[in-house]
N, C-alpha and C. Protein backbone atom coordinates (compact mmCIF):
# COMPACT_ATOMS: atom_id res chain seq x y z
N GLY A 1 14.42 -14.10 14.07
CA GLY A 1 13.37 -14.37 15.01
C GLY A 1 12.84 -13.15 15.73
N THR A 2 13.20 -11.96 15.30
CA THR A 2 12.82 -10.74 16.01
C THR A 2 11.32 -10.65 16.26
N GLU A 3 10.53 -10.96 15.26
CA GLU A 3 9.09 -10.76 15.38
C GLU A 3 8.32 -12.09 15.37
N ILE A 4 8.91 -13.13 15.95
CA ILE A 4 8.24 -14.43 16.02
C ILE A 4 6.98 -14.31 16.86
N GLY A 5 5.90 -14.85 16.32
CA GLY A 5 4.63 -14.85 17.04
C GLY A 5 4.29 -16.24 17.56
N GLU A 6 3.17 -16.35 18.22
CA GLU A 6 2.74 -17.62 18.83
C GLU A 6 2.59 -18.72 17.79
N GLU A 7 2.10 -18.40 16.61
CA GLU A 7 1.92 -19.43 15.57
C GLU A 7 3.26 -20.03 15.16
N GLN A 8 4.28 -19.19 15.01
CA GLN A 8 5.61 -19.70 14.64
C GLN A 8 6.21 -20.52 15.79
N ILE A 9 5.97 -20.09 17.03
CA ILE A 9 6.49 -20.83 18.18
C ILE A 9 5.85 -22.22 18.23
N LYS A 10 4.55 -22.30 17.98
CA LYS A 10 3.87 -23.60 17.94
C LYS A 10 4.50 -24.50 16.89
N ALA A 11 4.79 -23.97 15.72
CA ALA A 11 5.41 -24.75 14.65
C ALA A 11 6.81 -25.21 15.04
N ILE A 12 7.58 -24.33 15.68
CA ILE A 12 8.94 -24.67 16.10
C ILE A 12 8.92 -25.81 17.11
N ARG A 13 7.95 -25.82 18.00
CA ARG A 13 7.85 -26.87 19.02
C ARG A 13 7.68 -28.26 18.41
N THR A 14 7.14 -28.34 17.22
CA THR A 14 6.86 -29.64 16.59
C THR A 14 8.04 -30.17 15.78
N VAL A 15 9.06 -29.38 15.57
CA VAL A 15 10.20 -29.77 14.73
C VAL A 15 11.18 -30.59 15.55
N SER A 16 11.66 -31.67 14.96
CA SER A 16 12.57 -32.55 15.71
C SER A 16 14.04 -32.33 15.39
N ILE A 17 14.36 -31.44 14.46
CA ILE A 17 15.76 -31.14 14.16
C ILE A 17 16.22 -29.96 15.02
N PRO A 18 17.53 -29.82 15.19
CA PRO A 18 18.03 -28.69 16.00
C PRO A 18 17.62 -27.35 15.40
N ILE A 19 17.18 -26.46 16.25
CA ILE A 19 16.77 -25.11 15.83
C ILE A 19 17.42 -24.11 16.77
N VAL A 20 17.92 -23.04 16.18
CA VAL A 20 18.43 -21.92 16.95
C VAL A 20 17.75 -20.68 16.41
N VAL A 21 17.11 -19.94 17.27
CA VAL A 21 16.46 -18.69 16.89
C VAL A 21 17.45 -17.56 17.15
N VAL A 22 17.61 -16.69 16.17
CA VAL A 22 18.50 -15.55 16.31
C VAL A 22 17.66 -14.29 16.52
N ASP A 23 18.05 -13.50 17.50
CA ASP A 23 17.46 -12.18 17.76
C ASP A 23 16.11 -12.24 18.47
N ASN A 24 15.90 -13.27 19.27
CA ASN A 24 14.71 -13.35 20.13
C ASN A 24 15.04 -14.32 21.25
N ALA A 25 14.95 -13.87 22.47
CA ALA A 25 15.39 -14.67 23.62
C ALA A 25 14.51 -15.89 23.89
N MET A 26 13.31 -15.95 23.34
CA MET A 26 12.43 -17.10 23.49
C MET A 26 12.20 -17.44 24.96
N PHE A 27 11.96 -16.41 25.78
CA PHE A 27 11.72 -16.60 27.21
C PHE A 27 10.59 -17.60 27.44
N GLY A 28 10.81 -18.52 28.35
CA GLY A 28 9.79 -19.51 28.72
C GLY A 28 9.66 -20.66 27.75
N GLU A 29 10.49 -20.70 26.74
CA GLU A 29 10.45 -21.79 25.76
C GLU A 29 11.74 -22.60 25.85
N ASN A 30 11.65 -23.86 25.52
CA ASN A 30 12.83 -24.72 25.49
C ASN A 30 13.40 -24.70 24.08
N ILE A 31 13.79 -23.50 23.65
CA ILE A 31 14.31 -23.29 22.30
C ILE A 31 15.61 -22.50 22.43
N ASP A 32 16.69 -23.02 21.84
CA ASP A 32 17.96 -22.31 21.89
C ASP A 32 17.86 -21.00 21.11
N SER A 33 18.56 -20.00 21.60
CA SER A 33 18.56 -18.71 20.90
C SER A 33 19.88 -17.99 21.13
N VAL A 34 20.18 -17.12 20.19
CA VAL A 34 21.35 -16.24 20.27
C VAL A 34 20.80 -14.82 20.17
N VAL A 35 21.08 -14.04 21.19
CA VAL A 35 20.51 -12.69 21.25
C VAL A 35 21.56 -11.67 21.66
N MET A 36 21.24 -10.42 21.38
CA MET A 36 22.07 -9.32 21.87
C MET A 36 21.59 -8.96 23.28
N ASP A 37 22.43 -8.32 24.03
CA ASP A 37 22.07 -7.90 25.38
C ASP A 37 21.41 -6.53 25.31
N ASN A 38 20.10 -6.52 25.13
CA ASN A 38 19.37 -5.27 24.93
C ASN A 38 19.48 -4.32 26.12
N ALA A 39 19.52 -4.87 27.31
CA ALA A 39 19.66 -4.02 28.49
C ALA A 39 21.02 -3.32 28.50
N GLU A 40 22.06 -4.05 28.19
CA GLU A 40 23.40 -3.46 28.18
C GLU A 40 23.55 -2.46 27.04
N ILE A 41 22.97 -2.76 25.89
CA ILE A 41 22.99 -1.82 24.77
C ILE A 41 22.36 -0.49 25.20
N THR A 42 21.22 -0.57 25.85
CA THR A 42 20.53 0.62 26.31
C THR A 42 21.36 1.37 27.34
N ARG A 43 21.90 0.64 28.31
CA ARG A 43 22.74 1.28 29.34
C ARG A 43 23.93 1.99 28.71
N CYS A 44 24.58 1.34 27.75
CA CYS A 44 25.76 1.94 27.08
C CYS A 44 25.38 3.22 26.34
N ALA A 45 24.27 3.19 25.62
CA ALA A 45 23.84 4.37 24.87
C ALA A 45 23.52 5.52 25.82
N MET A 46 22.79 5.23 26.88
CA MET A 46 22.41 6.28 27.81
C MET A 46 23.61 6.79 28.61
N LYS A 47 24.51 5.90 28.97
CA LYS A 47 25.73 6.31 29.68
C LYS A 47 26.59 7.20 28.78
N TYR A 48 26.62 6.88 27.49
CA TYR A 48 27.34 7.71 26.52
C TYR A 48 26.80 9.15 26.56
N LEU A 49 25.49 9.27 26.53
CA LEU A 49 24.88 10.61 26.60
C LEU A 49 25.14 11.27 27.95
N TYR A 50 24.98 10.50 29.02
CA TYR A 50 25.20 11.02 30.38
C TYR A 50 26.64 11.52 30.54
N ASP A 51 27.59 10.74 30.07
CA ASP A 51 29.01 11.11 30.20
C ASP A 51 29.36 12.38 29.41
N ARG A 52 28.51 12.74 28.47
CA ARG A 52 28.71 13.97 27.70
C ARG A 52 27.95 15.14 28.31
N GLY A 53 27.42 14.94 29.51
CA GLY A 53 26.81 16.03 30.26
C GLY A 53 25.30 16.15 30.14
N PHE A 54 24.66 15.28 29.38
CA PHE A 54 23.21 15.37 29.22
C PHE A 54 22.51 14.80 30.45
N ARG A 55 21.52 15.56 30.95
CA ARG A 55 20.76 15.11 32.11
C ARG A 55 19.27 14.97 31.81
N SER A 56 18.88 15.45 30.66
CA SER A 56 17.51 15.29 30.17
C SER A 56 17.57 14.37 28.96
N ILE A 57 17.33 13.08 29.20
CA ILE A 57 17.47 12.08 28.13
C ILE A 57 16.10 11.47 27.84
N GLY A 58 15.58 11.79 26.68
CA GLY A 58 14.29 11.27 26.26
C GLY A 58 14.45 9.93 25.58
N TYR A 59 13.31 9.42 25.12
CA TYR A 59 13.29 8.08 24.53
C TYR A 59 12.32 8.05 23.37
N PHE A 60 12.81 7.66 22.20
CA PHE A 60 11.97 7.38 21.04
C PHE A 60 11.79 5.88 20.99
N LYS A 61 10.61 5.42 21.38
CA LYS A 61 10.34 3.99 21.44
C LYS A 61 9.46 3.57 20.28
N SER A 62 9.33 2.28 20.10
CA SER A 62 8.50 1.74 19.03
C SER A 62 7.04 1.66 19.48
N SER A 63 6.15 2.01 18.57
CA SER A 63 4.72 1.84 18.85
C SER A 63 4.27 0.41 18.60
N VAL A 64 5.16 -0.40 18.04
CA VAL A 64 4.87 -1.81 17.76
C VAL A 64 5.65 -2.66 18.77
N PRO A 65 4.96 -3.55 19.50
CA PRO A 65 5.68 -4.38 20.48
C PRO A 65 6.55 -5.43 19.80
N ILE A 66 7.85 -5.34 20.04
CA ILE A 66 8.83 -6.29 19.54
C ILE A 66 9.70 -6.65 20.73
N SER A 67 10.05 -7.91 20.89
CA SER A 67 10.73 -8.36 22.11
C SER A 67 11.98 -7.54 22.44
N ASN A 68 12.84 -7.29 21.46
CA ASN A 68 14.05 -6.51 21.74
C ASN A 68 13.70 -5.11 22.23
N PHE A 69 12.69 -4.52 21.64
CA PHE A 69 12.30 -3.16 22.03
C PHE A 69 11.70 -3.14 23.43
N THR A 70 10.96 -4.17 23.78
CA THR A 70 10.38 -4.25 25.12
C THR A 70 11.50 -4.33 26.17
N GLU A 71 12.54 -5.09 25.86
CA GLU A 71 13.69 -5.16 26.78
C GLU A 71 14.38 -3.81 26.88
N ARG A 72 14.49 -3.08 25.78
CA ARG A 72 15.11 -1.75 25.80
C ARG A 72 14.24 -0.76 26.55
N ASP A 73 12.91 -0.91 26.45
CA ASP A 73 12.00 -0.05 27.22
C ASP A 73 12.28 -0.17 28.71
N ARG A 74 12.35 -1.42 29.18
CA ARG A 74 12.62 -1.65 30.62
C ARG A 74 13.98 -1.10 31.01
N ALA A 75 14.97 -1.30 30.15
CA ALA A 75 16.33 -0.84 30.46
C ALA A 75 16.41 0.68 30.47
N TYR A 76 15.65 1.35 29.62
CA TYR A 76 15.62 2.81 29.64
C TYR A 76 15.19 3.30 31.03
N LYS A 77 14.10 2.72 31.53
CA LYS A 77 13.57 3.12 32.83
C LYS A 77 14.57 2.80 33.96
N SER A 78 15.15 1.62 33.94
CA SER A 78 16.07 1.25 35.01
C SER A 78 17.37 2.06 34.93
N THR A 79 17.79 2.42 33.74
CA THR A 79 19.01 3.22 33.61
C THR A 79 18.76 4.65 34.09
N LEU A 80 17.59 5.19 33.82
CA LEU A 80 17.25 6.50 34.39
C LEU A 80 17.39 6.46 35.91
N ASP A 81 16.83 5.41 36.52
CA ASP A 81 16.91 5.26 37.98
C ASP A 81 18.36 5.16 38.44
N ALA A 82 19.15 4.33 37.75
CA ALA A 82 20.55 4.12 38.12
C ALA A 82 21.36 5.41 38.01
N LEU A 83 21.02 6.26 37.04
CA LEU A 83 21.72 7.52 36.86
C LEU A 83 21.10 8.66 37.67
N ASN A 84 20.04 8.32 38.44
CA ASN A 84 19.33 9.30 39.26
C ASN A 84 18.77 10.45 38.42
N LEU A 85 18.18 10.07 37.27
CA LEU A 85 17.59 11.06 36.37
C LEU A 85 16.07 10.90 36.36
N SER A 86 15.39 12.00 36.12
CA SER A 86 13.94 11.96 35.97
C SER A 86 13.59 11.56 34.55
N ALA A 87 12.43 10.96 34.40
CA ALA A 87 11.97 10.60 33.07
C ALA A 87 11.78 11.86 32.24
N SER A 88 12.18 11.78 31.00
CA SER A 88 12.01 12.88 30.08
C SER A 88 10.98 12.46 29.04
N GLU A 89 10.90 13.17 27.94
CA GLU A 89 9.91 12.85 26.92
C GLU A 89 10.11 11.44 26.37
N VAL A 90 9.04 10.66 26.38
CA VAL A 90 9.00 9.34 25.76
C VAL A 90 7.98 9.43 24.65
N VAL A 91 8.44 9.19 23.43
CA VAL A 91 7.58 9.33 22.26
C VAL A 91 7.51 7.99 21.55
N SER A 92 6.29 7.48 21.34
CA SER A 92 6.08 6.23 20.61
C SER A 92 5.98 6.54 19.13
N LEU A 93 6.82 5.85 18.34
CA LEU A 93 6.88 6.09 16.90
C LEU A 93 6.79 4.78 16.14
N THR A 94 6.20 4.83 14.97
CA THR A 94 6.14 3.67 14.10
C THR A 94 7.56 3.29 13.70
N PRO A 95 7.93 2.00 13.78
CA PRO A 95 9.32 1.60 13.54
C PRO A 95 9.69 1.44 12.05
N THR A 96 9.34 2.46 11.26
CA THR A 96 9.78 2.55 9.87
C THR A 96 10.28 3.97 9.67
N LEU A 97 11.08 4.20 8.62
CA LEU A 97 11.58 5.55 8.37
C LEU A 97 10.44 6.55 8.19
N THR A 98 9.51 6.22 7.30
CA THR A 98 8.41 7.16 7.04
C THR A 98 7.44 7.22 8.21
N GLY A 99 7.20 6.09 8.87
CA GLY A 99 6.30 6.08 10.02
C GLY A 99 6.84 6.94 11.15
N ALA A 100 8.12 6.78 11.48
CA ALA A 100 8.72 7.58 12.54
C ALA A 100 8.72 9.05 12.16
N TYR A 101 9.00 9.35 10.91
CA TYR A 101 8.99 10.74 10.42
C TYR A 101 7.60 11.36 10.59
N GLU A 102 6.57 10.67 10.11
CA GLU A 102 5.20 11.19 10.18
C GLU A 102 4.73 11.33 11.64
N ASP A 103 5.02 10.30 12.45
CA ASP A 103 4.63 10.35 13.86
C ASP A 103 5.33 11.49 14.60
N MET A 104 6.61 11.70 14.29
CA MET A 104 7.35 12.78 14.96
C MET A 104 6.82 14.14 14.53
N LYS A 105 6.44 14.30 13.28
CA LYS A 105 5.84 15.57 12.83
C LYS A 105 4.58 15.85 13.63
N LYS A 106 3.73 14.84 13.81
CA LYS A 106 2.50 15.02 14.59
C LYS A 106 2.83 15.39 16.03
N TYR A 107 3.80 14.70 16.61
CA TYR A 107 4.19 14.98 17.99
C TYR A 107 4.68 16.43 18.13
N LEU A 108 5.55 16.85 17.23
CA LEU A 108 6.10 18.19 17.32
C LEU A 108 5.03 19.27 17.13
N LYS A 109 4.08 19.02 16.25
CA LYS A 109 3.00 20.00 16.03
C LYS A 109 2.09 20.10 17.25
N SER A 110 1.87 18.99 17.94
CA SER A 110 0.98 19.00 19.09
C SER A 110 1.68 19.36 20.39
N ASN A 111 2.96 19.08 20.48
CA ASN A 111 3.68 19.27 21.74
C ASN A 111 4.87 20.21 21.56
N GLY A 112 5.80 19.83 20.70
CA GLY A 112 6.96 20.65 20.43
C GLY A 112 8.07 20.57 21.44
N THR A 113 7.91 19.77 22.49
CA THR A 113 8.92 19.69 23.53
C THR A 113 9.88 18.54 23.26
N LEU A 114 11.16 18.84 23.29
CA LEU A 114 12.19 17.82 23.13
C LEU A 114 13.22 17.97 24.24
N PRO A 115 13.78 16.86 24.70
CA PRO A 115 14.86 16.92 25.69
C PRO A 115 16.16 17.33 25.00
N GLU A 116 17.22 17.46 25.76
CA GLU A 116 18.51 17.83 25.18
C GLU A 116 19.18 16.65 24.48
N ALA A 117 18.77 15.43 24.82
CA ALA A 117 19.33 14.23 24.19
C ALA A 117 18.25 13.15 24.17
N VAL A 118 18.40 12.23 23.21
CA VAL A 118 17.41 11.17 23.06
C VAL A 118 18.10 9.85 22.76
N PHE A 119 17.62 8.81 23.43
CA PHE A 119 17.98 7.44 23.07
C PHE A 119 16.84 6.92 22.21
N ALA A 120 17.15 6.51 20.97
CA ALA A 120 16.15 5.93 20.08
C ALA A 120 16.32 4.42 20.07
N VAL A 121 15.21 3.70 20.14
CA VAL A 121 15.23 2.25 20.27
C VAL A 121 15.95 1.58 19.09
N ASN A 122 15.98 2.23 17.93
CA ASN A 122 16.80 1.74 16.82
C ASN A 122 17.10 2.90 15.86
N ASP A 123 18.00 2.65 14.91
CA ASP A 123 18.42 3.70 13.98
C ASP A 123 17.29 4.13 13.05
N THR A 124 16.44 3.20 12.65
CA THR A 124 15.35 3.54 11.74
C THR A 124 14.46 4.61 12.36
N ILE A 125 14.07 4.40 13.61
CA ILE A 125 13.26 5.40 14.31
C ILE A 125 14.06 6.69 14.49
N ALA A 126 15.33 6.58 14.84
CA ALA A 126 16.16 7.77 15.05
C ALA A 126 16.23 8.62 13.79
N ILE A 127 16.45 7.99 12.65
CA ILE A 127 16.62 8.74 11.39
C ILE A 127 15.29 9.36 10.94
N GLY A 128 14.22 8.59 11.01
CA GLY A 128 12.91 9.13 10.64
C GLY A 128 12.53 10.31 11.52
N ALA A 129 12.73 10.15 12.83
CA ALA A 129 12.40 11.23 13.76
C ALA A 129 13.29 12.45 13.54
N MET A 130 14.57 12.21 13.28
CA MET A 130 15.51 13.31 13.08
C MET A 130 15.11 14.17 11.88
N LYS A 131 14.66 13.54 10.82
CA LYS A 131 14.23 14.31 9.64
C LYS A 131 13.11 15.28 10.01
N ALA A 132 12.13 14.81 10.77
CA ALA A 132 11.03 15.68 11.20
C ALA A 132 11.52 16.77 12.14
N ILE A 133 12.42 16.42 13.03
CA ILE A 133 12.95 17.38 14.00
C ILE A 133 13.68 18.51 13.28
N ILE A 134 14.49 18.17 12.31
CA ILE A 134 15.23 19.19 11.55
C ILE A 134 14.26 20.07 10.77
N GLU A 135 13.25 19.46 10.15
CA GLU A 135 12.25 20.25 9.42
C GLU A 135 11.49 21.19 10.35
N PHE A 136 11.39 20.83 11.60
CA PHE A 136 10.70 21.64 12.60
C PHE A 136 11.55 22.82 13.05
N GLY A 137 12.82 22.86 12.61
CA GLY A 137 13.72 23.96 12.94
C GLY A 137 14.64 23.71 14.11
N VAL A 138 14.68 22.47 14.57
CA VAL A 138 15.56 22.11 15.68
C VAL A 138 16.86 21.58 15.09
N ARG A 139 17.97 22.04 15.62
CA ARG A 139 19.28 21.61 15.11
C ARG A 139 19.74 20.34 15.82
N VAL A 140 20.23 19.40 15.01
CA VAL A 140 20.79 18.15 15.52
C VAL A 140 22.26 18.15 15.13
N PRO A 141 23.19 18.04 16.02
CA PRO A 141 23.10 17.72 17.44
C PRO A 141 23.14 18.95 18.36
N GLU A 142 23.15 20.15 17.81
CA GLU A 142 23.32 21.34 18.65
C GLU A 142 22.19 21.52 19.67
N ASP A 143 20.95 21.32 19.24
CA ASP A 143 19.80 21.51 20.14
C ASP A 143 19.35 20.21 20.78
N VAL A 144 19.46 19.11 20.06
CA VAL A 144 19.10 17.79 20.59
C VAL A 144 20.04 16.76 19.98
N SER A 145 20.65 15.96 20.83
CA SER A 145 21.52 14.89 20.37
C SER A 145 20.73 13.59 20.36
N ILE A 146 21.03 12.74 19.36
CA ILE A 146 20.29 11.49 19.21
C ILE A 146 21.28 10.35 19.06
N ILE A 147 21.01 9.24 19.78
CA ILE A 147 21.77 8.03 19.60
C ILE A 147 20.80 6.89 19.33
N GLY A 148 21.14 6.05 18.36
CA GLY A 148 20.30 4.91 18.01
C GLY A 148 21.01 3.60 18.24
N VAL A 149 20.41 2.55 17.71
CA VAL A 149 20.96 1.20 17.85
C VAL A 149 20.86 0.48 16.51
N ASP A 150 21.86 -0.23 16.14
CA ASP A 150 21.94 -1.15 15.00
C ASP A 150 23.06 -0.81 14.03
N ASP A 151 23.46 0.45 13.92
CA ASP A 151 24.48 0.88 12.98
C ASP A 151 24.11 0.49 11.55
N ILE A 152 22.87 0.81 11.16
CA ILE A 152 22.46 0.53 9.79
C ILE A 152 23.23 1.48 8.86
N PRO A 153 23.39 1.12 7.59
CA PRO A 153 24.16 1.98 6.68
C PRO A 153 23.66 3.42 6.60
N TYR A 154 22.36 3.63 6.69
CA TYR A 154 21.82 4.99 6.62
C TYR A 154 22.29 5.88 7.76
N SER A 155 22.68 5.28 8.88
CA SER A 155 23.07 6.10 10.04
C SER A 155 24.32 6.93 9.76
N SER A 156 25.18 6.47 8.85
CA SER A 156 26.39 7.24 8.56
C SER A 156 26.22 8.14 7.34
N VAL A 157 25.22 7.90 6.50
CA VAL A 157 25.06 8.73 5.31
C VAL A 157 23.96 9.77 5.43
N CYS A 158 23.10 9.65 6.45
CA CYS A 158 22.10 10.71 6.64
C CYS A 158 22.83 11.95 7.14
N HIS A 159 22.16 13.10 7.04
CA HIS A 159 22.82 14.32 7.48
C HIS A 159 21.97 15.04 8.52
N PRO A 160 22.55 15.27 9.69
CA PRO A 160 23.86 14.79 10.12
C PRO A 160 23.81 13.30 10.41
N SER A 161 24.97 12.68 10.40
CA SER A 161 25.01 11.26 10.76
C SER A 161 24.67 11.13 12.24
N ILE A 162 24.13 9.97 12.62
CA ILE A 162 23.75 9.79 14.02
C ILE A 162 24.75 8.90 14.73
N SER A 163 24.87 9.10 16.02
CA SER A 163 25.63 8.16 16.84
C SER A 163 24.79 6.90 16.95
N THR A 164 25.45 5.76 17.01
CA THR A 164 24.70 4.51 17.05
C THR A 164 25.54 3.43 17.74
N ILE A 165 24.85 2.45 18.28
CA ILE A 165 25.48 1.29 18.88
C ILE A 165 25.50 0.19 17.82
N ARG A 166 26.67 -0.32 17.51
CA ARG A 166 26.81 -1.35 16.48
C ARG A 166 26.45 -2.72 17.04
N ILE A 167 25.65 -3.46 16.29
CA ILE A 167 25.32 -4.84 16.60
C ILE A 167 26.04 -5.70 15.58
N SER A 168 26.84 -6.64 16.05
CA SER A 168 27.58 -7.51 15.13
C SER A 168 26.69 -8.66 14.68
N ARG A 169 26.06 -8.46 13.54
CA ARG A 169 25.22 -9.52 12.99
C ARG A 169 26.06 -10.74 12.63
N LYS A 170 27.27 -10.50 12.18
CA LYS A 170 28.17 -11.61 11.84
C LYS A 170 28.44 -12.47 13.07
N LEU A 171 28.71 -11.82 14.19
CA LEU A 171 29.00 -12.57 15.42
C LEU A 171 27.76 -13.32 15.90
N LEU A 172 26.57 -12.72 15.79
CA LEU A 172 25.34 -13.44 16.14
C LEU A 172 25.22 -14.70 15.29
N GLY A 173 25.54 -14.59 13.99
CA GLY A 173 25.49 -15.75 13.09
C GLY A 173 26.51 -16.81 13.45
N VAL A 174 27.71 -16.37 13.78
CA VAL A 174 28.77 -17.32 14.17
C VAL A 174 28.33 -18.11 15.40
N TYR A 175 27.81 -17.40 16.41
CA TYR A 175 27.36 -18.09 17.63
C TYR A 175 26.20 -19.03 17.35
N ALA A 176 25.31 -18.63 16.47
CA ALA A 176 24.17 -19.49 16.13
C ALA A 176 24.65 -20.79 15.47
N VAL A 177 25.60 -20.67 14.55
CA VAL A 177 26.13 -21.87 13.88
C VAL A 177 26.88 -22.74 14.88
N GLN A 178 27.65 -22.12 15.75
CA GLN A 178 28.38 -22.91 16.78
C GLN A 178 27.39 -23.65 17.67
N LEU A 179 26.31 -23.02 18.05
CA LEU A 179 25.30 -23.65 18.88
C LEU A 179 24.64 -24.80 18.14
N MET A 180 24.37 -24.60 16.85
CA MET A 180 23.76 -25.67 16.03
C MET A 180 24.69 -26.88 15.94
N ARG A 181 25.99 -26.61 15.86
CA ARG A 181 26.98 -27.68 15.73
C ARG A 181 27.34 -28.31 17.06
N GLY A 182 26.83 -27.76 18.15
CA GLY A 182 27.08 -28.32 19.47
C GLY A 182 28.40 -27.93 20.09
N ARG A 183 28.96 -26.81 19.67
CA ARG A 183 30.24 -26.37 20.23
C ARG A 183 30.05 -25.37 21.31
């Protein structure tokens, strides 16, 4: 349910069987859902960087509005406030490997400024951006550290591998089935 739009919500409202949406909080709807805590994920990632001494923490966000990413956007800002940090570079990137790569190349050519650490809204954006950053001559993690979200398989096999927050898709599924069964 990550990218459910209004048309799908209208269709869901008409169904009389039990429905559980996974990966979208369905705010304002009378629809059961199982979601990850995007605010806590963001706080954990940023605290991880903060605890390692980073005080300039940028943000690679999605240029496409997706509910989970919007929640992470808000949490990035509130976590900066909680840690008493100033906003650093926020870069909007297309949420695909090649899109993030191409967008980051454009950003670096026009600006070239990077913070000492970055929270990326997901691993796909982190990996695409990292490829462009390395090609630009910036060392990862020596010059800029990056942490993403999702723990996709590419996060451990790209070079260098990225730090990431693991989301238990299996556990989301278990909770969804339990909710469907009324437990």
